[in-house]
């Protein structure tokens, strides 16, 4: 479907940021502010916008958080 590698990579990156934002939804506003201001402005805006748009926070957030924790554990194992 995507013949342009750069366009595909960009799309994949944005989807990852939105998924990350779903994992943050439901967290404290101070924590979300800290994360979005740690990222560069473009990525921070994507994460912030996605957090504000999410309506069904509880169910989605819990599932995404578990997936994010699993990925972090995998990355830690690979780093060793």
Protein backbone atom coordinates (compact mmCIF):
# COMPACT_ATOMS: atom_id res chain seq x y z
CA UNK A 1 0.00 0.00 0.00
CA UNK A 2 2.77 2.46 0.96
CA UNK A 3 5.41 2.62 -1.72
CA UNK A 4 7.19 5.60 -0.18
CA UNK A 5 9.28 4.38 2.78
CA UNK A 6 9.53 7.83 4.34
CA UNK A 7 5.74 8.36 4.30
CA UNK A 8 5.22 4.92 5.82
CA UNK A 9 7.82 5.59 8.50
CA UNK A 10 6.20 8.91 9.37
CA UNK A 11 2.76 7.34 9.60
CA UNK A 12 4.07 4.55 11.82
CA UNK A 13 5.81 7.08 14.06
CA UNK A 14 2.63 9.16 14.47
CA UNK A 15 0.59 6.06 15.27
CA UNK A 16 3.13 5.13 17.93
CA UNK A 17 2.88 8.58 19.48
CA UNK A 18 -0.91 8.38 19.52
CA UNK A 19 -0.74 4.94 21.13
CA UNK A 20 1.68 6.31 23.72
CA UNK A 21 -0.78 9.15 24.39
CA UNK A 22 -3.57 6.64 24.98
CA UNK A 23 -1.40 5.03 27.63
CA UNK A 24 -0.95 8.41 29.30
CA UNK A 25 -4.63 9.33 29.30
CA UNK A 26 -6.11 9.19 32.75
CA UNK A 27 -2.80 10.14 34.35
CA UNK A 28 -2.47 13.39 36.23
CA UNK A 29 -2.41 16.59 34.20
CA UNK A 30 0.97 17.51 35.73
CA UNK A 31 2.49 14.23 34.54
CA UNK A 32 1.09 14.64 31.03
CA UNK A 33 2.36 18.24 30.96
CA UNK A 34 5.82 17.07 32.00
CA UNK A 35 5.94 14.37 29.30
CA UNK A 36 4.68 16.64 26.52
CA UNK A 37 7.17 19.34 27.46
CA UNK A 38 10.03 16.83 27.58
CA UNK A 39 9.35 15.89 23.96
CA UNK A 40 10.00 18.29 21.11
CA UNK A 41 7.10 20.58 20.19
CA UNK A 42 5.79 18.50 17.26
CA UNK A 43 5.69 15.23 19.16
CA UNK A 44 4.43 16.93 22.31
CA UNK A 45 1.52 18.45 20.37
CA UNK A 46 0.56 15.08 18.88
CA UNK A 47 0.59 13.43 22.32
CA UNK A 48 -1.27 16.32 23.97
CA UNK A 49 -3.95 16.45 21.26
CA UNK A 50 -4.48 12.70 21.39
CA UNK A 51 -4.84 12.79 25.18
CA UNK A 52 -7.48 15.51 24.97
CA UNK A 53 -9.49 13.67 22.29
CA UNK A 54 -9.68 10.33 24.11
CA UNK A 55 -13.15 9.76 25.57
CA UNK A 56 -13.22 6.10 26.67
CA UNK A 57 -10.16 6.48 28.85
CA UNK A 58 -10.43 3.74 31.47
CA UNK A 59 -10.58 0.59 29.34
CA UNK A 60 -8.25 1.77 26.60
CA UNK A 61 -5.67 3.24 28.94
CA UNK A 62 -5.34 0.11 31.05
CA UNK A 63 -4.76 -2.08 28.00
CA UNK A 64 -2.27 0.32 26.42
CA UNK A 65 -0.35 0.74 29.69
CA UNK A 66 0.13 -3.01 29.93
CA UNK A 67 1.41 -3.10 26.35
CA UNK A 68 3.80 -0.19 27.00
CA UNK A 69 5.16 -1.88 30.14
CA UNK A 70 5.73 -5.09 28.19
CA UNK A 71 7.64 -3.19 25.50
CA UNK A 72 9.77 -1.42 28.13
CA UNK A 73 10.63 -4.75 29.73
CA UNK A 74 11.58 -6.15 26.34
CA UNK A 75 13.81 -3.15 25.62
CA UNK A 76 15.49 -3.49 29.01
CA UNK A 77 16.26 -7.16 28.33
CA UNK A 78 17.74 -6.33 24.93
CA UNK A 79 19.90 -3.59 26.45
CA UNK A 80 21.54 -6.06 28.85
